[in-house]
């Protein structure tokens, strides 16, 4: 029994300033009295630790990626919800994380699209990534053309 608590104590630094939140989540599984439930507490904390280590999880045969701040956000949401019965598994947490994961993926995709548009706009204006004017040779190389004369009267794609 004390062996599990030693493992639990060694696992705490993984959670950093969020250790209380991790324990609050574990308590949702009805692990009281704590002294008698060391194995279950350790297993649950190891599950949360693995989630933080991999930044991904599986739900219904699909893999999702989520950032560490996204994981903590999901844990906060779950811990702020009132449950009539103790949790039996991590499925509710996973459902919350799916929404956060999809939001993060959309934000990353939108940011990549914005960056691509900015690169294209700089190319159209003949400006390099650092704000300097591009030489004609650099512009031709980046635009993938042999001659600037062929671009006269045409939009750059």
N, C-alpha and C. Protein backbone atom coordinates (compact mmCIF):
# COMPACT_ATOMS: atom_id res chain seq x y z
N UNK A 1 0.83 -1.19 0.00
CA UNK A 1 0.00 0.00 0.00
C UNK A 1 0.88 1.25 0.00
N UNK A 2 1.91 1.29 0.86
CA UNK A 2 2.80 2.45 0.91
C UNK A 2 3.62 2.57 -0.37
N UNK A 3 3.82 1.42 -1.06
CA UNK A 3 4.57 1.44 -2.30
C UNK A 3 3.84 2.29 -3.35
N UNK A 4 2.51 2.16 -3.44
CA UNK A 4 1.73 2.97 -4.38
C UNK A 4 1.86 4.45 -4.06
N UNK A 5 1.81 4.79 -2.78
CA UNK A 5 1.89 6.20 -2.40
C UNK A 5 3.27 6.78 -2.71
N UNK A 6 4.30 5.96 -2.60
CA UNK A 6 5.64 6.40 -3.01
C UNK A 6 5.67 6.71 -4.50
N UNK A 7 5.04 5.84 -5.30
CA UNK A 7 4.95 6.07 -6.75
C UNK A 7 4.14 7.32 -7.06
N UNK A 8 3.06 7.51 -6.32
CA UNK A 8 2.21 8.69 -6.52
C UNK A 8 3.02 9.96 -6.25
N UNK A 9 3.77 9.97 -5.18
CA UNK A 9 4.59 11.14 -4.82
C UNK A 9 5.65 11.40 -5.89
N UNK A 10 6.26 10.33 -6.43
CA UNK A 10 7.26 10.50 -7.49
C UNK A 10 6.63 11.00 -8.79
N UNK A 11 5.35 10.74 -8.99
CA UNK A 11 4.64 11.14 -10.20
C UNK A 11 4.20 12.61 -10.16
N UNK A 12 4.07 13.18 -8.99
CA UNK A 12 3.56 14.55 -8.84
C UNK A 12 4.30 15.61 -9.65
N UNK A 13 5.63 15.59 -9.75
CA UNK A 13 6.30 16.65 -10.53
C UNK A 13 5.87 16.70 -12.00
N UNK A 14 5.37 15.61 -12.54
CA UNK A 14 4.89 15.59 -13.93
C UNK A 14 3.78 16.62 -14.12
N UNK A 15 2.97 16.82 -13.10
CA UNK A 15 1.81 17.70 -13.20
C UNK A 15 2.14 19.16 -12.89
N UNK A 16 3.31 19.41 -12.33
CA UNK A 16 3.74 20.77 -12.04
C UNK A 16 2.72 21.52 -11.21
N UNK A 17 2.40 22.73 -11.65
CA UNK A 17 1.46 23.57 -10.90
C UNK A 17 0.02 23.08 -11.01
N UNK A 18 -0.20 22.06 -11.82
CA UNK A 18 -1.56 21.52 -12.01
C UNK A 18 -1.81 20.25 -11.20
N UNK A 19 -0.95 19.94 -10.24
CA UNK A 19 -1.09 18.71 -9.47
C UNK A 19 -2.44 18.65 -8.74
N UNK A 20 -2.88 19.77 -8.21
CA UNK A 20 -4.18 19.79 -7.52
C UNK A 20 -5.31 19.45 -8.47
N UNK A 21 -5.24 19.98 -9.68
CA UNK A 21 -6.26 19.69 -10.68
C UNK A 21 -6.26 18.21 -11.04
N UNK A 22 -5.08 17.63 -11.17
CA UNK A 22 -4.99 16.19 -11.48
C UNK A 22 -5.62 15.37 -10.35
N UNK A 23 -5.34 15.74 -9.10
CA UNK A 23 -5.93 15.02 -7.97
C UNK A 23 -7.44 15.25 -7.91
N UNK A 24 -7.88 16.46 -8.22
CA UNK A 24 -9.31 16.75 -8.22
C UNK A 24 -10.02 15.86 -9.24
N UNK A 25 -9.39 15.67 -10.40
CA UNK A 25 -9.96 14.78 -11.41
C UNK A 25 -10.03 13.35 -10.90
N UNK A 26 -8.97 12.89 -10.28
CA UNK A 26 -8.93 11.52 -9.74
C UNK A 26 -10.03 11.32 -8.70
N UNK A 27 -10.29 12.35 -7.90
CA UNK A 27 -11.33 12.24 -6.87
C UNK A 27 -12.72 12.03 -7.46
N UNK A 28 -12.93 12.44 -8.72
CA UNK A 28 -14.22 12.23 -9.38
C UNK A 28 -14.53 10.75 -9.58
N UNK A 29 -13.52 9.90 -9.42
CA UNK A 29 -13.69 8.47 -9.59
C UNK A 29 -14.08 7.78 -8.28
N UNK A 30 -14.36 8.55 -7.24
CA UNK A 30 -14.79 7.98 -5.97
C UNK A 30 -13.72 7.19 -5.27
N UNK A 31 -12.55 7.76 -5.15
CA UNK A 31 -11.40 7.06 -4.57
C UNK A 31 -11.25 7.32 -3.07
N UNK A 32 -12.33 7.61 -2.41
CA UNK A 32 -12.28 7.84 -0.96
C UNK A 32 -12.68 6.58 -0.23
N UNK A 33 -12.09 6.21 0.84
CA UNK A 33 -10.98 6.87 1.52
C UNK A 33 -9.66 6.67 0.76
N UNK A 34 -8.88 7.71 0.73
CA UNK A 34 -7.65 7.71 -0.06
C UNK A 34 -6.69 6.59 0.34
N UNK A 35 -6.58 6.36 1.64
CA UNK A 35 -5.62 5.37 2.12
C UNK A 35 -5.88 3.98 1.55
N UNK A 36 -7.14 3.66 1.28
CA UNK A 36 -7.50 2.32 0.81
C UNK A 36 -7.45 2.20 -0.72
N UNK A 37 -7.31 3.28 -1.42
CA UNK A 37 -7.43 3.26 -2.88
C UNK A 37 -6.15 3.66 -3.60
N UNK A 38 -5.01 3.40 -3.01
CA UNK A 38 -3.73 3.81 -3.58
C UNK A 38 -3.50 3.28 -4.99
N UNK A 39 -3.83 2.02 -5.25
CA UNK A 39 -3.61 1.44 -6.58
C UNK A 39 -4.44 2.13 -7.64
N UNK A 40 -5.70 2.41 -7.33
CA UNK A 40 -6.58 3.06 -8.29
C UNK A 40 -6.12 4.51 -8.53
N UNK A 41 -5.75 5.20 -7.48
CA UNK A 41 -5.26 6.58 -7.62
C UNK A 41 -4.01 6.60 -8.49
N UNK A 42 -3.09 5.68 -8.23
CA UNK A 42 -1.86 5.61 -9.01
C UNK A 42 -2.18 5.34 -10.48
N UNK A 43 -3.05 4.41 -10.76
CA UNK A 43 -3.41 4.08 -12.14
C UNK A 43 -4.02 5.29 -12.85
N UNK A 44 -4.92 5.99 -12.18
CA UNK A 44 -5.56 7.16 -12.79
C UNK A 44 -4.56 8.28 -13.05
N UNK A 45 -3.67 8.53 -12.08
CA UNK A 45 -2.64 9.55 -12.28
C UNK A 45 -1.68 9.16 -13.39
N UNK A 46 -1.38 7.88 -13.51
CA UNK A 46 -0.52 7.42 -14.60
C UNK A 46 -1.21 7.62 -15.95
N UNK A 47 -2.52 7.43 -16.00
CA UNK A 47 -3.28 7.68 -17.23
C UNK A 47 -3.18 9.14 -17.64
N UNK A 48 -3.36 10.05 -16.68
CA UNK A 48 -3.27 11.48 -16.97
C UNK A 48 -1.85 11.83 -17.38
N UNK A 49 -0.87 11.26 -16.72
CA UNK A 49 0.54 11.50 -17.04
C UNK A 49 0.85 11.04 -18.47
N UNK A 50 0.35 9.88 -18.85
CA UNK A 50 0.57 9.37 -20.21
C UNK A 50 -0.07 10.29 -21.24
N UNK A 51 -1.22 10.80 -20.93
CA UNK A 51 -1.90 11.73 -21.82
C UNK A 51 -1.05 12.99 -22.03
N UNK A 52 -0.49 13.51 -20.95
CA UNK A 52 0.37 14.70 -21.04
C UNK A 52 1.65 14.41 -21.82
N UNK A 53 2.18 13.22 -21.66
CA UNK A 53 3.44 12.84 -22.31
C UNK A 53 3.25 12.68 -23.82
N UNK A 54 2.12 12.15 -24.24
CA UNK A 54 1.92 11.85 -25.66
C UNK A 54 1.18 12.95 -26.41
N UNK A 55 0.46 13.82 -25.70
CA UNK A 55 -0.35 14.87 -26.33
C UNK A 55 -1.35 14.29 -27.33
N UNK A 56 -1.77 13.06 -27.09
CA UNK A 56 -2.76 12.45 -27.98
C UNK A 56 -3.55 11.41 -27.19
N UNK A 57 -4.71 11.06 -27.74
CA UNK A 57 -5.54 10.05 -27.11
C UNK A 57 -6.39 9.40 -28.19
N UNK A 58 -6.93 8.24 -27.86
CA UNK A 58 -7.80 7.51 -28.79
C UNK A 58 -9.20 7.45 -28.21
N UNK A 59 -10.18 7.62 -29.10
CA UNK A 59 -11.57 7.47 -28.69
C UNK A 59 -12.32 6.92 -29.90
N UNK A 60 -13.00 5.82 -29.69
CA UNK A 60 -13.75 5.14 -30.73
C UNK A 60 -12.91 4.93 -31.99
N UNK A 61 -11.75 4.34 -31.80
CA UNK A 61 -10.82 3.94 -32.86
C UNK A 61 -10.24 5.11 -33.66
N UNK A 62 -10.33 6.29 -33.13
CA UNK A 62 -9.78 7.46 -33.82
C UNK A 62 -8.78 8.13 -32.89
N UNK A 63 -7.68 8.58 -33.46
CA UNK A 63 -6.67 9.26 -32.65
C UNK A 63 -6.83 10.76 -32.78
N UNK A 64 -6.70 11.44 -31.64
CA UNK A 64 -6.81 12.89 -31.57
C UNK A 64 -5.52 13.44 -30.96
N UNK A 65 -5.13 14.61 -31.42
CA UNK A 65 -3.97 15.30 -30.85
C UNK A 65 -4.47 16.53 -30.13
N UNK A 66 -3.86 16.81 -28.97
CA UNK A 66 -4.28 17.94 -28.15
C UNK A 66 -3.05 18.50 -27.44
N UNK A 67 -3.02 19.80 -27.26
CA UNK A 67 -1.89 20.44 -26.59
C UNK A 67 -2.01 20.24 -25.08
N UNK A 68 -0.91 20.47 -24.38
CA UNK A 68 -0.95 20.36 -22.92
C UNK A 68 -1.92 21.39 -22.31
N UNK A 69 -1.89 22.66 -22.78
CA UNK A 69 -2.90 23.59 -22.24
C UNK A 69 -4.34 23.11 -22.53
N UNK A 70 -4.53 22.47 -23.66
CA UNK A 70 -5.85 21.93 -23.99
C UNK A 70 -6.26 20.82 -23.03
N UNK A 71 -5.30 20.00 -22.62
CA UNK A 71 -5.58 18.92 -21.66
C UNK A 71 -6.00 19.53 -20.32
N UNK A 72 -5.25 20.54 -19.86
CA UNK A 72 -5.59 21.18 -18.58
C UNK A 72 -6.95 21.87 -18.66
N UNK A 73 -7.25 22.48 -19.81
CA UNK A 73 -8.56 23.11 -19.99
C UNK A 73 -9.67 22.06 -19.86
N UNK A 74 -9.47 20.92 -20.50
CA UNK A 74 -10.46 19.84 -20.44
C UNK A 74 -10.63 19.33 -19.01
N UNK A 75 -9.53 19.16 -18.31
CA UNK A 75 -9.61 18.69 -16.92
C UNK A 75 -10.36 19.69 -16.05
N UNK A 76 -10.11 20.98 -16.28
CA UNK A 76 -10.85 22.01 -15.52
C UNK A 76 -12.35 21.94 -15.80
N UNK A 77 -12.72 21.77 -17.07
CA UNK A 77 -14.13 21.67 -17.43
C UNK A 77 -14.77 20.48 -16.74
N UNK A 78 -14.10 19.34 -16.79
CA UNK A 78 -14.64 18.12 -16.16
C UNK A 78 -14.74 18.29 -14.65
N UNK A 79 -13.73 18.87 -14.04
CA UNK A 79 -13.74 19.03 -12.59
C UNK A 79 -14.79 20.04 -12.12
N UNK A 80 -15.16 20.98 -12.98
CA UNK A 80 -16.18 21.96 -12.61
C UNK A 80 -17.60 21.44 -12.80
N UNK A 81 -17.73 20.29 -13.42
CA UNK A 81 -19.05 19.70 -13.63
C UNK A 81 -19.43 18.87 -12.40
N UNK A 82 -20.70 18.90 -12.07
CA UNK A 82 -21.18 18.11 -10.94
C UNK A 82 -21.69 16.77 -11.47
N UNK A 83 -21.15 15.68 -10.93
CA UNK A 83 -21.57 14.34 -11.33
C UNK A 83 -22.33 13.71 -10.16
N UNK A 84 -23.45 13.09 -10.47
CA UNK A 84 -24.25 12.41 -9.44
C UNK A 84 -23.55 11.15 -8.95
N UNK A 85 -22.91 10.45 -9.88
CA UNK A 85 -22.23 9.20 -9.57
C UNK A 85 -20.74 9.36 -9.87
N UNK A 86 -19.89 8.57 -9.21
CA UNK A 86 -18.46 8.62 -9.54
C UNK A 86 -18.23 8.22 -11.00
N UNK A 87 -17.21 8.78 -11.60
CA UNK A 87 -16.85 8.41 -12.97
C UNK A 87 -16.34 6.97 -12.99
N UNK A 88 -16.59 6.29 -14.08
CA UNK A 88 -16.13 4.91 -14.21
C UNK A 88 -14.93 4.80 -15.16
N UNK A 89 -14.83 5.76 -16.09
CA UNK A 89 -13.74 5.73 -17.06
C UNK A 89 -13.45 7.16 -17.52
N UNK A 90 -12.56 7.29 -18.47
CA UNK A 90 -12.13 8.61 -18.95
C UNK A 90 -12.96 9.12 -20.13
N UNK A 91 -14.05 8.46 -20.46
CA UNK A 91 -14.79 8.82 -21.67
C UNK A 91 -15.33 10.25 -21.65
N UNK A 92 -15.82 10.72 -20.52
CA UNK A 92 -16.33 12.09 -20.48
C UNK A 92 -15.19 13.08 -20.74
N UNK A 93 -14.05 12.85 -20.11
CA UNK A 93 -12.88 13.69 -20.36
C UNK A 93 -12.50 13.65 -21.84
N UNK A 94 -12.51 12.48 -22.43
CA UNK A 94 -12.16 12.36 -23.84
C UNK A 94 -13.12 13.13 -24.73
N UNK A 95 -14.41 13.09 -24.40
CA UNK A 95 -15.39 13.83 -25.21
C UNK A 95 -15.13 15.33 -25.12
N UNK A 96 -14.79 15.81 -23.94
CA UNK A 96 -14.46 17.23 -23.78
C UNK A 96 -13.18 17.55 -24.58
N UNK A 97 -12.20 16.65 -24.50
CA UNK A 97 -10.94 16.88 -25.20
C UNK A 97 -11.12 16.85 -26.72
N UNK A 98 -12.08 16.07 -27.22
CA UNK A 98 -12.32 16.03 -28.67
C UNK A 98 -12.70 17.43 -29.16
N UNK A 99 -13.60 18.09 -28.45
CA UNK A 99 -13.99 19.45 -28.85
C UNK A 99 -12.81 20.41 -28.83
N UNK A 100 -11.99 20.31 -27.81
CA UNK A 100 -10.82 21.19 -27.70
C UNK A 100 -9.81 20.85 -28.79
N UNK A 101 -9.60 19.57 -29.03
CA UNK A 101 -8.67 19.12 -30.06
C UNK A 101 -9.09 19.62 -31.44
N UNK A 102 -10.37 19.52 -31.74
CA UNK A 102 -10.86 19.99 -33.04
C UNK A 102 -10.73 21.51 -33.15
N UNK A 103 -10.99 22.22 -32.06
CA UNK A 103 -10.82 23.68 -32.07
C UNK A 103 -9.35 24.04 -32.32
N UNK A 104 -8.43 23.34 -31.64
CA UNK A 104 -7.00 23.62 -31.82
C UNK A 104 -6.56 23.31 -33.26
N UNK A 105 -7.08 22.21 -33.82
CA UNK A 105 -6.73 21.85 -35.19
C UNK A 105 -7.22 22.92 -36.17
N UNK A 106 -8.44 23.42 -35.95
CA UNK A 106 -8.99 24.48 -36.82
C UNK A 106 -8.17 25.76 -36.68
N UNK A 107 -7.81 26.13 -35.45
CA UNK A 107 -6.99 27.33 -35.24
C UNK A 107 -5.64 27.21 -35.93
N UNK A 108 -5.03 26.02 -35.86
CA UNK A 108 -3.73 25.81 -36.51
C UNK A 108 -3.88 25.88 -38.02
N UNK A 109 -4.95 25.29 -38.55
CA UNK A 109 -5.19 25.32 -39.99
C UNK A 109 -5.43 26.77 -40.46
N UNK A 110 -6.23 27.52 -39.69
CA UNK A 110 -6.49 28.92 -40.04
C UNK A 110 -5.21 29.75 -40.00
N UNK A 111 -4.37 29.52 -39.01
CA UNK A 111 -3.11 30.25 -38.89
C UNK A 111 -2.20 29.91 -40.08
N UNK A 112 -2.16 28.65 -40.48
CA UNK A 112 -1.35 28.25 -41.62
C UNK A 112 -1.87 28.90 -42.91
N UNK A 113 -3.18 28.96 -43.05
CA UNK A 113 -3.76 29.62 -44.23
C UNK A 113 -3.42 31.11 -44.25
N UNK A 114 -3.51 31.78 -43.09
CA UNK A 114 -3.15 33.19 -43.02
C UNK A 114 -1.68 33.40 -43.39
N UNK A 115 -0.81 32.55 -42.87
CA UNK A 115 0.61 32.65 -43.19
C UNK A 115 0.85 32.43 -44.67
N UNK A 116 0.17 31.47 -45.26
CA UNK A 116 0.30 31.22 -46.70
C UNK A 116 -0.14 32.43 -47.51
N UNK A 117 -1.26 33.04 -47.12
CA UNK A 117 -1.74 34.23 -47.82
C UNK A 117 -0.75 35.37 -47.69
N UNK A 118 -0.15 35.53 -46.51
CA UNK A 118 0.85 36.58 -46.31
C UNK A 118 2.08 36.34 -47.19
N UNK A 119 2.52 35.08 -47.29
CA UNK A 119 3.66 34.75 -48.16
C UNK A 119 3.33 35.08 -49.61
N UNK A 120 2.12 34.69 -50.03
CA UNK A 120 1.71 34.96 -51.41
C UNK A 120 1.64 36.46 -51.67
N UNK A 121 1.12 37.21 -50.70
CA UNK A 121 1.02 38.67 -50.85
C UNK A 121 2.40 39.30 -50.94
N UNK A 122 3.33 38.84 -50.12
CA UNK A 122 4.71 39.36 -50.19
C UNK A 122 5.32 39.04 -51.56
N UNK A 123 5.03 37.84 -52.06
CA UNK A 123 5.55 37.45 -53.36
C UNK A 123 4.97 38.34 -54.45
N UNK A 124 3.68 38.61 -54.37
CA UNK A 124 3.03 39.49 -55.36
C UNK A 124 3.63 40.89 -55.33
N UNK A 125 3.94 41.36 -54.14
CA UNK A 125 4.48 42.71 -53.98
C UNK A 125 5.98 42.77 -54.27
N UNK A 126 6.59 41.60 -54.39
CA UNK A 126 8.03 41.56 -54.64
C UNK A 126 8.85 41.83 -53.41
N UNK A 127 8.32 41.44 -52.24
CA UNK A 127 9.02 41.67 -50.98
C UNK A 127 9.40 40.33 -50.39
N UNK A 128 10.63 40.22 -49.91
CA UNK A 128 11.09 38.98 -49.30
C UNK A 128 10.49 38.84 -47.90
N UNK A 129 10.70 37.69 -47.28
CA UNK A 129 10.15 37.42 -45.96
C UNK A 129 10.64 38.38 -44.89
N UNK A 130 11.82 38.95 -45.06
CA UNK A 130 12.34 39.88 -44.05
C UNK A 130 12.02 41.34 -44.37
N UNK A 131 11.17 41.59 -45.37
CA UNK A 131 10.72 42.94 -45.67
C UNK A 131 11.55 43.67 -46.71
N UNK A 132 12.66 43.08 -47.16
CA UNK A 132 13.48 43.72 -48.18
C UNK A 132 12.86 43.51 -49.56
N UNK A 133 13.13 44.45 -50.46
CA UNK A 133 12.67 44.29 -51.84
C UNK A 133 13.45 43.14 -52.48
N UNK A 134 12.74 42.31 -53.25
CA UNK A 134 13.37 41.18 -53.91
C UNK A 134 13.99 41.60 -55.22
N UNK A 135 15.09 40.97 -55.56
CA UNK A 135 15.67 41.18 -56.89
C UNK A 135 14.79 40.47 -57.90
N UNK A 136 14.93 40.84 -59.16
CA UNK A 136 14.15 40.19 -60.23
C UNK A 136 14.48 38.71 -60.29
N UNK A 137 15.73 38.36 -60.08
CA UNK A 137 16.14 36.95 -60.12
C UNK A 137 15.49 36.16 -58.98
N UNK A 138 15.46 36.73 -57.79
CA UNK A 138 14.83 36.08 -56.64
C UNK A 138 13.33 35.91 -56.89
N UNK A 139 12.70 36.95 -57.42
CA UNK A 139 11.26 36.89 -57.70
C UNK A 139 10.97 35.78 -58.71
N UNK A 140 11.76 35.70 -59.78
CA UNK A 140 11.55 34.66 -60.80
C UNK A 140 11.73 33.27 -60.18
N UNK A 141 12.75 33.14 -59.33
CA UNK A 141 13.00 31.84 -58.70
C UNK A 141 11.81 31.44 -57.83
N UNK A 142 11.32 32.35 -56.99
CA UNK A 142 10.21 32.04 -56.09
C UNK A 142 8.89 31.84 -56.83
N UNK A 143 8.68 32.59 -57.89
CA UNK A 143 7.45 32.47 -58.65
C UNK A 143 7.50 31.28 -59.59
N UNK A 144 8.70 30.72 -59.81
CA UNK A 144 8.84 29.55 -60.67
C UNK A 144 8.65 29.87 -62.14
N UNK A 145 9.16 31.03 -62.58
CA UNK A 145 9.05 31.42 -63.98
C UNK A 145 10.43 31.63 -64.57
N UNK A 146 10.51 31.51 -65.90
CA UNK A 146 11.78 31.72 -66.60
C UNK A 146 12.01 33.19 -66.87
N UNK A 147 10.92 33.88 -67.21
CA UNK A 147 11.06 35.27 -67.63
C UNK A 147 9.94 36.11 -67.03
N UNK A 148 10.26 37.30 -66.58
CA UNK A 148 9.24 38.21 -66.05
C UNK A 148 8.34 38.73 -67.17
N UNK A 149 8.82 38.72 -68.39
CA UNK A 149 8.00 39.20 -69.52
C UNK A 149 6.74 38.34 -69.69
N UNK A 150 6.83 37.08 -69.38
CA UNK A 150 5.66 36.19 -69.49
C UNK A 150 4.59 36.48 -68.48
N UNK A 151 4.90 37.25 -67.44
CA UNK A 151 3.92 37.56 -66.40
C UNK A 151 3.15 38.84 -66.66
N UNK A 152 3.55 39.59 -67.67
CA UNK A 152 2.91 40.86 -67.94
C UNK A 152 1.43 40.63 -68.28
N UNK A 153 0.56 41.33 -67.55
CA UNK A 153 -0.88 41.24 -67.79
C UNK A 153 -1.53 40.00 -67.19
N UNK A 154 -0.77 39.21 -66.43
CA UNK A 154 -1.33 38.01 -65.81
C UNK A 154 -1.22 38.11 -64.29
N UNK A 155 -2.21 37.54 -63.58
CA UNK A 155 -2.12 37.50 -62.11
C UNK A 155 -1.17 36.40 -61.70
N UNK A 156 -0.52 36.60 -60.61
CA UNK A 156 0.41 35.57 -60.08
C UNK A 156 -0.39 34.63 -59.21
N UNK A 157 -0.30 33.37 -59.46
CA UNK A 157 -1.05 32.36 -58.70
C UNK A 157 -0.27 31.95 -57.50
